[in-house]
Amino acid sequence: MRHIVYLCAMIALAALTATSSIAAPTTTSTQLTTRFKATTGQKLVVSKQKSYVGHYRAYDGGVQTPALKARFGTFTVYLVTATAVEAEVTELLADSHTGQLGTPSAGKIYWEQGVSLYGDKYWQAKRRYGQNVVLTWIGPSGAKKTDTTWKRLHAALTAATK
């Protein structure tokens, strides 16, 4: 009898755990682009150069005009399309030099330092949105801090991945 009660308790606990740990829903390409444009008025454009077929589709604002850079900084939004979502998201968030994920700072932001082709140092912020969206962003100042350009993207992606 004890075994039956124990078994029933374990099944109930497993069911409760399964329902309470459901991941955020997967964001589709249409949802991402439509909601981003509705929030910002800016169209996201597929970047074939940065996309990796079977893994993720990369989006940005298209031609990087001074006005676009002033509004959003330099950014790419990755929509993970692979079946191994966690592995792909982790790889996008990890430091590209070391391959290590590291620890996020305030706001769940992963920071990575880099150097441009011209020798200019910069900081890149990376953050996950929902289950399968990752933002990479370099602000206009090159400092390791967010600003209004980040806040605009953050608000848009938060809305786009709900």
Protein backbone atom coordinates (compact mmCIF):
# COMPACT_ATOMS: atom_id res chain seq x y z
CA MET A 1 0.00 0.00 0.00
CA ARG A 2 2.84 2.41 0.87
CA HIS A 3 4.34 1.82 -2.56
CA ILE A 4 1.11 2.81 -4.28
CA VAL A 5 0.83 6.02 -2.21
CA TYR A 6 4.49 6.79 -2.89
CA LEU A 7 4.03 6.14 -6.62
CA CYS A 8 0.94 8.39 -6.76
CA ALA A 9 2.83 11.17 -4.94
CA MET A 10 5.74 10.90 -7.35
CA ILE A 11 3.42 11.06 -10.39
CA ALA A 12 1.67 14.12 -8.96
CA LEU A 13 5.02 15.79 -8.26
CA ALA A 14 6.25 15.03 -11.78
CA ALA A 15 3.06 16.47 -13.28
CA LEU A 16 3.35 19.62 -11.15
CA THR A 17 7.01 20.06 -12.10
CA ALA A 18 6.26 19.57 -15.79
CA THR A 19 3.52 22.19 -15.79
CA SER A 20 5.47 24.75 -13.76
CA SER A 21 8.64 24.56 -15.85
CA ILE A 22 7.12 25.07 -19.27
CA ALA A 23 9.46 27.24 -21.36
CA ALA A 24 8.40 30.43 -23.04
CA PRO A 25 6.73 29.78 -26.38
CA THR A 26 8.87 29.70 -29.49
CA THR A 27 8.75 32.96 -31.44
CA THR A 28 8.14 32.63 -35.18
CA SER A 29 9.71 34.75 -37.90
CA THR A 30 6.38 36.41 -38.64
CA GLN A 31 5.74 37.20 -34.98
CA LEU A 32 9.22 38.64 -34.53
CA THR A 33 9.18 40.89 -37.59
CA THR A 34 5.55 42.00 -37.25
CA ARG A 35 5.75 42.81 -33.55
CA PHE A 36 9.12 44.54 -33.88
CA LYS A 37 7.77 46.81 -36.63
CA ALA A 38 4.58 47.49 -34.64
CA THR A 39 6.64 48.56 -31.61
CA THR A 40 9.38 50.56 -33.37
CA GLY A 41 8.12 51.39 -36.86
CA GLN A 42 11.39 49.84 -38.11
CA LYS A 43 11.38 46.82 -40.41
CA LEU A 44 13.71 43.95 -39.56
CA VAL A 45 15.60 42.69 -42.61
CA VAL A 46 17.07 39.20 -42.98
CA SER A 47 20.86 39.28 -43.05
CA LYS A 48 21.82 36.33 -45.26
CA GLN A 49 25.47 36.98 -44.44
CA LYS A 50 24.94 36.45 -40.70
CA SER A 51 22.26 33.72 -40.95
CA TYR A 52 23.17 30.05 -40.59
CA VAL A 53 20.68 27.80 -42.40
CA GLY A 54 19.29 25.09 -40.15
CA HIS A 55 20.50 26.93 -37.03
CA TYR A 56 19.29 30.54 -36.95
CA ARG A 57 18.08 33.42 -39.07
CA ALA A 58 19.73 36.78 -38.44
CA TYR A 59 17.94 40.12 -38.74
CA ASP A 60 19.08 43.73 -38.57
CA GLY A 61 17.80 47.10 -39.73
CA GLY A 62 19.14 46.77 -43.26
CA VAL A 63 21.48 49.45 -44.57
CA GLN A 64 23.25 50.96 -41.54
CA THR A 65 22.44 54.65 -41.96
CA PRO A 66 23.57 57.26 -39.42
CA ALA A 67 19.93 57.71 -38.36
CA LEU A 68 19.45 53.95 -37.80
CA LYS A 69 22.70 53.72 -35.82
CA ALA A 70 21.72 56.73 -33.71
CA ARG A 71 18.34 55.15 -32.97
CA PHE A 72 19.40 51.54 -32.25
CA GLY A 73 23.21 51.29 -32.23
CA THR A 74 24.62 48.36 -34.19
CA PHE A 75 22.50 45.26 -33.63
CA THR A 76 21.59 41.81 -34.88
CA VAL A 77 18.59 39.78 -33.77
CA TYR A 78 18.99 36.01 -34.08
CA LEU A 79 15.92 33.80 -34.36
CA VAL A 80 17.01 30.26 -33.52
CA THR A 81 15.34 27.75 -35.86
CA ALA A 82 17.27 24.60 -34.93
CA THR A 83 15.72 21.75 -32.98
CA ALA A 84 18.49 22.07 -30.37
CA VAL A 85 17.37 25.55 -29.26
CA GLU A 86 19.26 25.60 -25.95
CA ALA A 87 22.58 24.64 -27.55
CA GLU A 88 22.23 27.27 -30.29
CA VAL A 89 21.17 30.02 -27.87
CA THR A 90 24.07 29.16 -25.56
CA GLU A 91 26.50 29.31 -28.47
CA LEU A 92 25.18 32.73 -29.54
CA LEU A 93 25.44 34.10 -25.98
CA ALA A 94 28.89 32.62 -25.31
CA ASP A 95 32.08 34.64 -25.68
CA SER A 96 33.14 34.15 -29.30
CA HIS A 97 36.83 34.18 -28.33
CA THR A 98 36.70 31.58 -25.55
CA GLY A 99 33.49 29.69 -26.28
CA GLN A 100 32.54 30.07 -22.59
CA LEU A 101 29.10 31.32 -21.54
CA GLY A 102 30.22 33.24 -18.48
CA THR A 103 27.89 34.95 -16.04
CA PRO A 104 25.33 37.56 -17.08
CA SER A 105 25.42 41.02 -15.53
CA ALA A 106 22.42 43.03 -14.41
CA GLY A 107 19.57 42.78 -16.88
CA LYS A 108 20.65 39.26 -17.95
CA ILE A 109 23.24 40.78 -20.32
CA TYR A 110 26.35 38.89 -21.37
CA TRP A 111 29.21 41.24 -22.26
CA GLU A 112 32.02 40.54 -24.70
CA GLN A 113 34.90 42.87 -25.52
CA GLY A 114 36.16 43.11 -29.08
CA VAL A 115 38.37 45.13 -31.40
CA SER A 116 37.22 46.47 -34.77
CA LEU A 117 39.19 46.13 -38.01
CA TYR A 118 40.42 49.66 -37.34
CA GLY A 119 41.75 48.79 -33.88
CA ASP A 120 38.89 50.44 -31.97
CA LYS A 121 37.83 48.61 -28.80
CA TYR A 122 34.15 48.05 -28.17
CA TRP A 123 31.79 46.14 -25.89
CA GLN A 124 29.07 43.93 -27.28
CA ALA A 125 25.98 43.15 -25.21
CA LYS A 126 24.11 39.87 -25.74
CA ARG A 127 20.74 38.95 -24.28
CA ARG A 128 18.15 36.22 -24.70
CA TYR A 129 14.47 36.98 -25.29
CA GLY A 130 11.86 34.29 -24.91
CA GLN A 131 12.92 30.79 -25.84
CA ASN A 132 14.65 31.31 -29.18
CA VAL A 133 15.65 34.95 -29.76
CA VAL A 134 19.08 36.46 -29.04
CA LEU A 135 20.05 40.12 -29.43
CA THR A 136 23.64 41.26 -29.99
CA TRP A 137 24.22 45.00 -29.72
CA ILE A 138 27.08 47.47 -29.84
CA GLY A 139 26.17 50.90 -28.56
CA PRO A 140 27.26 54.14 -30.19
CA SER A 141 29.70 55.05 -27.40
CA GLY A 142 31.71 51.79 -27.36
CA ALA A 143 31.46 51.70 -23.56
CA LYS A 144 30.38 48.71 -21.44
CA LYS A 145 27.00 50.16 -20.63
CA THR A 146 23.52 50.29 -22.08
CA ASP A 147 21.84 53.47 -23.22
CA THR A 148 18.60 54.61 -24.87
CA THR A 149 19.43 52.69 -28.07
CA TRP A 150 19.57 49.47 -26.03
CA LYS A 151 16.37 50.37 -24.19
CA ARG A 152 14.51 50.77 -27.49
CA LEU A 153 15.64 47.35 -28.69
CA HIS A 154 14.96 45.76 -25.31
CA ALA A 155 11.39 47.07 -25.24
CA ALA A 156 10.75 45.97 -28.83
CA LEU A 157 12.11 42.46 -28.33
CA THR A 158 10.34 42.02 -25.01
CA ALA A 159 7.07 42.81 -26.80
CA ALA A 160 7.95 40.69 -29.83
CA THR A 161 8.65 37.54 -27.83
CA LYS A 162 5.57 37.46 -25.57
